[in-house]
Every structure is written in C-alpha cells, then in structure tokens.
Amino acid sequence: QVQLAESGGGLVQPGDSLRLSCEASGRIASIYSMGWFRQAPGKEREFVARITMSAGSTFYADSLKDRFIISRDNARSTMFLQMDSLKPEDTAVYYCTYIHPLRGTLWGQGTQVTVSS
C-alpha cells in the first residue's frame, strides 16, 4: 500500500505565498504521477496540477498556471506546490493524489489553506 503525508497548509494573507508538500511512502510504483486537487466551501472539488514523477512533465488548471508551480523530488517521492500571489478565492482544502497507471488514484486527507486578511 501507499501512504500520503501532506503538509504546508495554513492561514496567510492575500498576496502571500505558501508551499505545500506531499510525500508518498510504501509500495510506490516505478512509474506514477502525483497531483493536487482542491475543494472550496460549497464548491465541487477541482483539479489544480499534476506532475509525472519520473519525467517531471507538468499539467495545470488554466486559471492557476500563472501563480502555482508544481515540482517534485523523485528520489524522496515528494511533490510540492508553490502557490504565489494567493487570493481569498484560493481558500480550500488541498488534496494530494497519487496516481498509479493501473490501480487508479489514491487521495490524501487534505490540508487546509486559508487566505484572509
């Protein structure tokens, strides 16, 4: 099995930056992807970004690609999400995902990001 450990959420002010981390551990596949989704209060869960851990190919939600950067440390099976110029509408629970090519998606428990003055 694979376990996901998310960290880095918190309360920040508009315009601030925040960096989320997610470490995968356990029986990790040799080829897999990791990604982030988020869910704001009263809204559906939405895709944020994804990265292929071996090649480092990245994919973003169009509305976020100018402010968010996804990266990884493949040796540590860890993914990062650098979020800059945060806005109140970025307030959400951010979920880490581990995407196995055959077994599907594993979801983390989520980390709260609150952007408020």
N, C-alpha and C. Protein backbone atom coordinates (compact mmCIF):
# COMPACT_ATOMS: atom_id res chain seq x y z
N GLN A 1 0.84 -1.20 0.00
CA GLN A 1 0.00 0.00 0.00
C GLN A 1 0.87 1.24 0.00
N VAL A 2 0.25 2.33 -0.43
CA VAL A 2 0.92 3.62 -0.46
C VAL A 2 0.26 4.55 0.54
N GLN A 3 1.06 5.30 1.25
CA GLN A 3 0.55 6.30 2.17
C GLN A 3 1.00 7.68 1.69
N LEU A 4 0.13 8.66 1.93
CA LEU A 4 0.43 10.05 1.54
C LEU A 4 0.46 10.91 2.79
N ALA A 5 1.47 11.77 2.88
CA ALA A 5 1.58 12.69 4.01
C ALA A 5 1.67 14.10 3.46
N GLU A 6 0.64 14.88 3.70
CA GLU A 6 0.57 16.27 3.22
C GLU A 6 1.01 17.21 4.33
N SER A 7 1.58 18.33 3.93
CA SER A 7 1.95 19.34 4.90
C SER A 7 2.04 20.69 4.21
N GLY A 8 2.06 21.75 5.02
CA GLY A 8 2.30 23.07 4.50
C GLY A 8 1.10 23.99 4.45
N GLY A 9 -0.08 23.50 4.76
CA GLY A 9 -1.25 24.38 4.75
C GLY A 9 -1.20 25.36 5.90
N GLY A 10 -2.10 26.35 5.86
CA GLY A 10 -2.15 27.31 6.93
C GLY A 10 -2.96 28.53 6.55
N LEU A 11 -2.85 29.53 7.41
CA LEU A 11 -3.55 30.81 7.22
C LEU A 11 -2.56 31.85 6.74
N VAL A 12 -2.84 32.46 5.61
CA VAL A 12 -1.98 33.50 5.06
C VAL A 12 -2.83 34.67 4.62
N GLN A 13 -2.16 35.78 4.35
CA GLN A 13 -2.85 36.97 3.88
C GLN A 13 -2.85 37.03 2.36
N PRO A 14 -3.78 37.75 1.78
CA PRO A 14 -3.77 37.91 0.32
C PRO A 14 -2.43 38.45 -0.17
N GLY A 15 -1.95 37.86 -1.26
CA GLY A 15 -0.66 38.25 -1.79
C GLY A 15 0.51 37.42 -1.29
N ASP A 16 0.30 36.69 -0.22
CA ASP A 16 1.35 35.85 0.34
C ASP A 16 1.57 34.60 -0.50
N SER A 17 2.62 33.89 -0.15
CA SER A 17 2.94 32.62 -0.79
C SER A 17 2.86 31.50 0.22
N LEU A 18 2.68 30.30 -0.30
CA LEU A 18 2.62 29.11 0.54
C LEU A 18 3.12 27.93 -0.28
N ARG A 19 3.78 27.00 0.40
CA ARG A 19 4.29 25.82 -0.28
C ARG A 19 3.74 24.57 0.38
N LEU A 20 3.03 23.79 -0.39
CA LEU A 20 2.51 22.52 0.10
C LEU A 20 3.45 21.39 -0.30
N SER A 21 3.51 20.37 0.54
CA SER A 21 4.31 19.19 0.26
C SER A 21 3.45 17.95 0.42
N CYS A 22 3.80 16.92 -0.32
CA CYS A 22 3.14 15.64 -0.17
C CYS A 22 4.16 14.54 -0.43
N GLU A 23 4.36 13.71 0.56
CA GLU A 23 5.31 12.61 0.44
C GLU A 23 4.56 11.29 0.34
N ALA A 24 4.93 10.51 -0.65
CA ALA A 24 4.38 9.17 -0.81
C ALA A 24 5.35 8.16 -0.22
N SER A 25 4.81 7.19 0.48
CA SER A 25 5.65 6.14 1.05
C SER A 25 4.94 4.80 0.91
N GLY A 26 5.71 3.75 1.08
CA GLY A 26 5.14 2.41 0.95
C GLY A 26 5.53 1.79 -0.38
N ARG A 27 4.63 1.01 -0.95
CA ARG A 27 4.91 0.28 -2.19
C ARG A 27 4.62 1.20 -3.38
N ILE A 28 5.59 2.02 -3.68
CA ILE A 28 5.42 3.03 -4.73
C ILE A 28 5.79 2.43 -6.08
N ALA A 29 4.98 2.72 -7.08
CA ALA A 29 5.23 2.21 -8.42
C ALA A 29 6.45 2.87 -9.03
N SER A 30 7.03 2.22 -10.02
CA SER A 30 8.20 2.81 -10.69
C SER A 30 7.79 3.95 -11.61
N ILE A 31 6.57 3.89 -12.10
CA ILE A 31 6.04 4.95 -12.96
C ILE A 31 4.71 5.39 -12.37
N TYR A 32 4.63 6.64 -12.00
CA TYR A 32 3.38 7.14 -11.43
C TYR A 32 3.38 8.66 -11.51
N SER A 33 2.24 9.22 -11.22
CA SER A 33 2.09 10.67 -11.17
C SER A 33 1.56 11.06 -9.80
N MET A 34 1.72 12.32 -9.50
CA MET A 34 1.12 12.89 -8.29
C MET A 34 0.49 14.21 -8.66
N GLY A 35 -0.49 14.60 -7.91
CA GLY A 35 -1.17 15.84 -8.25
C GLY A 35 -1.89 16.45 -7.08
N TRP A 36 -2.50 17.60 -7.34
CA TRP A 36 -3.26 18.34 -6.34
C TRP A 36 -4.64 18.67 -6.88
N PHE A 37 -5.62 18.49 -6.02
CA PHE A 37 -6.96 18.99 -6.24
C PHE A 37 -7.28 19.90 -5.06
N ARG A 38 -8.33 20.67 -5.20
CA ARG A 38 -8.77 21.48 -4.09
C ARG A 38 -10.29 21.56 -4.06
N GLN A 39 -10.82 21.80 -2.88
CA GLN A 39 -12.26 21.94 -2.72
C GLN A 39 -12.55 23.09 -1.78
N ALA A 40 -13.18 24.11 -2.33
CA ALA A 40 -13.58 25.27 -1.55
C ALA A 40 -14.94 25.00 -0.92
N PRO A 41 -15.26 25.72 0.14
CA PRO A 41 -16.56 25.52 0.80
C PRO A 41 -17.71 25.73 -0.18
N GLY A 42 -18.61 24.77 -0.23
CA GLY A 42 -19.78 24.87 -1.07
C GLY A 42 -19.53 24.65 -2.55
N LYS A 43 -18.32 24.24 -2.91
CA LYS A 43 -17.98 24.04 -4.31
C LYS A 43 -17.51 22.61 -4.55
N GLU A 44 -17.50 22.23 -5.82
CA GLU A 44 -17.01 20.91 -6.17
C GLU A 44 -15.48 20.88 -6.14
N ARG A 45 -14.97 19.69 -5.96
CA ARG A 45 -13.53 19.52 -5.99
C ARG A 45 -13.03 19.80 -7.40
N GLU A 46 -11.90 20.51 -7.51
CA GLU A 46 -11.37 20.88 -8.82
C GLU A 46 -9.89 20.54 -8.93
N PHE A 47 -9.49 20.27 -10.15
CA PHE A 47 -8.10 19.95 -10.46
C PHE A 47 -7.23 21.19 -10.32
N VAL A 48 -6.06 21.02 -9.75
CA VAL A 48 -5.10 22.11 -9.62
C VAL A 48 -3.89 21.87 -10.52
N ALA A 49 -3.19 20.77 -10.31
CA ALA A 49 -1.98 20.49 -11.08
C ALA A 49 -1.60 19.03 -10.91
N ARG A 50 -0.78 18.55 -11.86
CA ARG A 50 -0.30 17.17 -11.80
C ARG A 50 1.09 17.12 -12.36
N ILE A 51 1.89 16.17 -11.89
CA ILE A 51 3.25 16.01 -12.36
C ILE A 51 3.57 14.52 -12.49
N THR A 52 4.24 14.15 -13.57
CA THR A 52 4.73 12.78 -13.70
C THR A 52 6.05 12.70 -12.97
N MET A 53 6.17 11.77 -12.06
CA MET A 53 7.31 11.79 -11.14
C MET A 53 8.63 11.42 -11.82
N SER A 54 8.61 10.57 -12.82
CA SER A 54 9.87 10.19 -13.46
C SER A 54 10.33 11.26 -14.44
N ALA A 55 9.45 11.70 -15.32
CA ALA A 55 9.83 12.65 -16.36
C ALA A 55 9.70 14.10 -15.91
N GLY A 56 8.86 14.35 -14.93
CA GLY A 56 8.67 15.72 -14.47
C GLY A 56 7.75 16.54 -15.35
N SER A 57 6.95 15.89 -16.19
CA SER A 57 6.01 16.64 -17.02
C SER A 57 4.90 17.21 -16.13
N THR A 58 4.51 18.44 -16.43
CA THR A 58 3.54 19.12 -15.56
C THR A 58 2.29 19.51 -16.32
N PHE A 59 1.20 19.55 -15.60
CA PHE A 59 -0.10 19.92 -16.14
C PHE A 59 -0.80 20.79 -15.10
N TYR A 60 -1.46 21.86 -15.59
CA TYR A 60 -2.08 22.80 -14.67
C TYR A 60 -3.51 23.13 -15.09
N ALA A 61 -4.30 23.53 -14.11
CA ALA A 61 -5.55 24.19 -14.42
C ALA A 61 -5.20 25.54 -15.05
N ASP A 62 -5.86 25.87 -16.13
CA ASP A 62 -5.51 27.10 -16.86
C ASP A 62 -5.55 28.33 -15.97
N SER A 63 -6.50 28.36 -15.08
CA SER A 63 -6.68 29.57 -14.25
C SER A 63 -5.60 29.73 -13.18
N LEU A 64 -4.80 28.70 -12.96
CA LEU A 64 -3.82 28.73 -11.86
C LEU A 64 -2.38 28.69 -12.32
N LYS A 65 -2.13 28.42 -13.57
CA LYS A 65 -0.76 28.15 -14.02
C LYS A 65 0.15 29.36 -13.92
N ASP A 66 -0.40 30.56 -13.82
CA ASP A 66 0.44 31.74 -13.70
C ASP A 66 0.90 31.98 -12.26
N ARG A 67 0.27 31.34 -11.29
CA ARG A 67 0.60 31.60 -9.89
C ARG A 67 1.07 30.36 -9.13
N PHE A 68 0.76 29.20 -9.64
CA PHE A 68 1.11 27.95 -8.96
C PHE A 68 2.17 27.19 -9.76
N ILE A 69 3.09 26.60 -9.04
CA ILE A 69 4.12 25.76 -9.67
C ILE A 69 4.20 24.43 -8.95
N ILE A 70 4.08 23.36 -9.70
CA ILE A 70 4.21 22.02 -9.13
C ILE A 70 5.61 21.51 -9.46
N SER A 71 6.21 20.83 -8.49
CA SER A 71 7.54 20.27 -8.70
C SER A 71 7.65 18.98 -7.88
N ARG A 72 8.78 18.29 -8.06
CA ARG A 72 8.92 17.05 -7.31
C ARG A 72 10.38 16.76 -7.00
N ASP A 73 10.56 15.96 -5.97
CA ASP A 73 11.86 15.37 -5.63
C ASP A 73 11.63 13.87 -5.79
N ASN A 74 11.97 13.37 -6.95
CA ASN A 74 11.64 11.98 -7.26
C ASN A 74 12.34 11.01 -6.33
N ALA A 75 13.54 11.34 -5.91
CA ALA A 75 14.28 10.44 -5.02
C ALA A 75 13.59 10.29 -3.67
N ARG A 76 12.87 11.32 -3.26
CA ARG A 76 12.15 11.28 -1.99
C ARG A 76 10.66 11.02 -2.17
N SER A 77 10.25 10.78 -3.42
CA SER A 77 8.83 10.54 -3.70
C SER A 77 7.96 11.65 -3.13
N THR A 78 8.42 12.85 -3.29
CA THR A 78 7.75 14.01 -2.70
C THR A 78 7.40 15.02 -3.78
N MET A 79 6.22 15.56 -3.65
CA MET A 79 5.72 16.55 -4.59
C MET A 79 5.49 17.85 -3.84
N PHE A 80 5.66 18.96 -4.54
CA PHE A 80 5.47 20.27 -3.93
C PHE A 80 4.52 21.10 -4.78
N LEU A 81 3.83 22.03 -4.12
CA LEU A 81 3.02 23.00 -4.84
C LEU A 81 3.36 24.37 -4.28
N GLN A 82 4.04 25.16 -5.08
CA GLN A 82 4.36 26.53 -4.70
C GLN A 82 3.21 27.42 -5.16
N MET A 83 2.61 28.11 -4.23
CA MET A 83 1.47 28.96 -4.53
C MET A 83 1.84 30.41 -4.21
N ASP A 84 1.82 31.25 -5.21
CA ASP A 84 2.19 32.65 -5.05
C ASP A 84 0.98 33.55 -5.30
N SER A 85 1.11 34.77 -4.82
CA SER A 85 0.06 35.78 -5.01
C SER A 85 -1.31 35.21 -4.64
N LEU A 86 -1.37 34.63 -3.48
CA LEU A 86 -2.60 33.95 -3.08
C LEU A 86 -3.75 34.93 -2.92
N LYS A 87 -4.94 34.45 -3.26
CA LYS A 87 -6.16 35.24 -3.21
C LYS A 87 -7.16 34.56 -2.27
N PRO A 88 -8.11 35.32 -1.76
CA PRO A 88 -9.12 34.70 -0.89
C PRO A 88 -9.84 33.53 -1.56
N GLU A 89 -10.01 33.60 -2.87
CA GLU A 89 -10.69 32.51 -3.58
C GLU A 89 -9.84 31.25 -3.69
N ASP A 90 -8.59 31.32 -3.28
CA ASP A 90 -7.75 30.12 -3.21
C ASP A 90 -8.00 29.33 -1.92
N THR A 91 -8.79 29.90 -1.04
CA THR A 91 -9.12 29.21 0.20
C THR A 91 -9.85 27.91 -0.10
N ALA A 92 -9.29 26.81 0.40
CA ALA A 92 -9.84 25.49 0.10
C ALA A 92 -9.07 24.44 0.88
N VAL A 93 -9.60 23.25 0.88
CA VAL A 93 -8.83 22.10 1.32
C VAL A 93 -8.11 21.56 0.09
N TYR A 94 -6.82 21.41 0.21
CA TYR A 94 -6.00 20.93 -0.90
C TYR A 94 -5.66 19.46 -0.66
N TYR A 95 -5.96 18.66 -1.67
CA TYR A 95 -5.78 17.22 -1.57
C TYR A 95 -4.64 16.75 -2.47
N CYS A 96 -3.77 15.98 -1.91
CA CYS A 96 -2.71 15.34 -2.67
C CYS A 96 -3.26 14.05 -3.27
N THR A 97 -2.81 13.73 -4.47
CA THR A 97 -3.19 12.47 -5.10
C THR A 97 -1.95 11.74 -5.60
N TYR A 98 -2.06 10.42 -5.52
CA TYR A 98 -1.04 9.52 -6.08
C TYR A 98 -1.76 8.72 -7.15
N ILE A 99 -1.23 8.78 -8.37
CA ILE A 99 -1.94 8.19 -9.50
C ILE A 99 -1.13 7.03 -10.05
N HIS A 100 -1.62 5.82 -9.80
CA HIS A 100 -0.98 4.62 -10.32
C HIS A 100 -1.54 4.35 -11.71
N PRO A 101 -0.69 3.99 -12.67
CA PRO A 101 -1.18 3.82 -14.04
C PRO A 101 -2.23 2.73 -14.20
N LEU A 102 -2.25 1.75 -13.30
CA LEU A 102 -3.21 0.66 -13.41
C LEU A 102 -4.21 0.64 -12.27
N ARG A 103 -3.83 1.09 -11.11
CA ARG A 103 -4.66 0.93 -9.91
C ARG A 103 -5.48 2.17 -9.57
N GLY A 104 -5.27 3.24 -10.33
CA GLY A 104 -6.10 4.41 -10.09
C GLY A 104 -5.49 5.40 -9.12
N THR A 105 -6.35 6.18 -8.50
CA THR A 105 -5.92 7.33 -7.71
C THR A 105 -6.13 7.11 -6.23
N LEU A 106 -5.10 7.43 -5.48
CA LEU A 106 -5.17 7.43 -4.02
C LEU A 106 -5.21 8.88 -3.56
N TRP A 107 -6.11 9.19 -2.64
CA TRP A 107 -6.28 10.56 -2.16
C TRP A 107 -5.70 10.72 -0.77
N GLY A 108 -5.05 11.86 -0.55
CA GLY A 108 -4.62 12.22 0.78
C GLY A 108 -5.79 12.76 1.60
N GLN A 109 -5.53 13.05 2.85
CA GLN A 109 -6.60 13.52 3.73
C GLN A 109 -6.90 14.99 3.56
N GLY A 110 -6.01 15.72 2.94
CA GLY A 110 -6.23 17.13 2.68
C GLY A 110 -5.56 18.03 3.70
N THR A 111 -5.20 19.21 3.24
CA THR A 111 -4.62 20.22 4.11
C THR A 111 -5.32 21.55 3.83
N GLN A 112 -5.68 22.24 4.88
CA GLN A 112 -6.46 23.47 4.75
C GLN A 112 -5.56 24.65 4.40
N VAL A 113 -5.96 25.39 3.39
CA VAL A 113 -5.31 26.66 3.04
C VAL A 113 -6.36 27.75 3.16
N THR A 114 -6.08 28.73 3.98
CA THR A 114 -7.00 29.85 4.17
C THR A 114 -6.27 31.15 3.85
N VAL A 115 -6.86 31.91 2.94
CA VAL A 115 -6.29 33.20 2.54
C VAL A 115 -7.25 34.29 2.99
N SER A 116 -6.83 35.04 3.98
CA SER A 116 -7.73 36.04 4.56
C SER A 116 -6.92 37.14 5.21
N SER A 117 -7.45 38.35 5.13
CA SER A 117 -6.81 39.48 5.81
C SER A 117 -7.40 39.67 7.20
